[in-house]
Every structure is written in C-alpha cells, then in structure tokens.
C-alpha cells in the first residue's frame, strides 16, 4: 500500500523533465496561449497561473521574480512556459498535489 503524499522517482522526473508536461506547456491551445492571445497584462497572467497551480495569489517576491524573468527572456511565450513549469515543480505544488 502506498503512503499518502509519497511520490515515486519516476513521477518526479516526469514533472522535472518529462514530455507530458513539456508538450502541454508548449501547446497552442492551453491557458498560456489563451491569455497571451487575449493580451492580458503580465500581473493577470501570473495571478491566473498561480491560482490554477497553487490555489493562491503570488507573493510580492514571486511577482518580482516573474517580472525579472519576463524582462530578460526575449520570447514572451517561452518565458511564461518557464514560469508555469517552475510553479508545477515548486515544493508547494509537489507537496499538495
């Protein structure tokens, strides 16, 4: 019987570097694509992605980190994929889901 909240190494690797997550983040039909197409402001995109993954709004520190990443990454879409991936690989997400 598997203990509640325990994850296998395979599951961890799938989240960290798996094709399933990568494919979904890069999909042209996902939440990121819809938000970018709607020309939503960065704060609204960050709010929505954080609420969807962590069930809370981003902290000031997370907002600053996201803004810094967006500012230094020329491809806005890729920057948002990176940020969404980071949310899905955060300890907070992994320990809750």
Foldseek 3Di string as FASTA:
>chain_A
DDDPQDDDPVVLCCLLPNPVLVVQLPDCPDPLNVCVVVVPDPLVLQQVLCCVQQVDGDDPVLVVVLVVQCVVDPDNSVSSSVSSSCSCNDPNRSRVD
